[in-house]
Amino acid sequence: MVLGVDWLESLGEVRMNWKALLMKFQMQGKWVQLQGDPTLTRTQVSWRSMVRSFRHGDQGYLLEFNGKELEEVKLDHPPRVRELLKHFHMVCEARTKLPPHRAQDHAILIKEGAAPPNLRPYRYPHSQKE
C-alpha cells in the first residue's frame, strides 16, 4: 500500500532512471527533467570501514538515531483510502504489546553441554553439511 503520493499521480507519465538519478515528466506540454546529484547519495558502512577511510584523509559524518516521540499527523485521505484504513485498522495501528501466546511458541532445543557449530558463514552443498 502506498499512501501520500497524490502529487505523483498529478504528473501523469513519469520516466525514471534510478541509476542516473534522472526523472522526466510533462508539464504544460513540455518535458521537464530533474537530475539528482550523485554526490549526495548515502551509503551505509561499517564502523571499521569508516575509521579506515578517515585514516586515509577522507571526510564523512556519523549519524545516530536514538528514537523520537511520534507526533500525530492529521491527514485528509480520499474516501476510498479512508475506507481501507478503517477496514484494516488493526494492521495500521502501532503495536503496544507482544503478540498473544500461540499453541506452539517458537523454541530452539539445545542439547546440554553442546558447543556452537563451527560452520562456514556461506552456503555450501547439503552433502558437505553432514
Foldseek 3Di string as FASTA:
>chain_A
DDPDVVVVVVQPDWDDDVVQQWIWTDDPRDIDIDGDDVVPDDDDDDPVVVVVCVVVVDDDDDDDDDDDDDDDDDDDDPPVVVVVCVVPVVVVDDDDDDDDDDPDDDDDDDDPPDDDDDDDPDDDDPVVVD
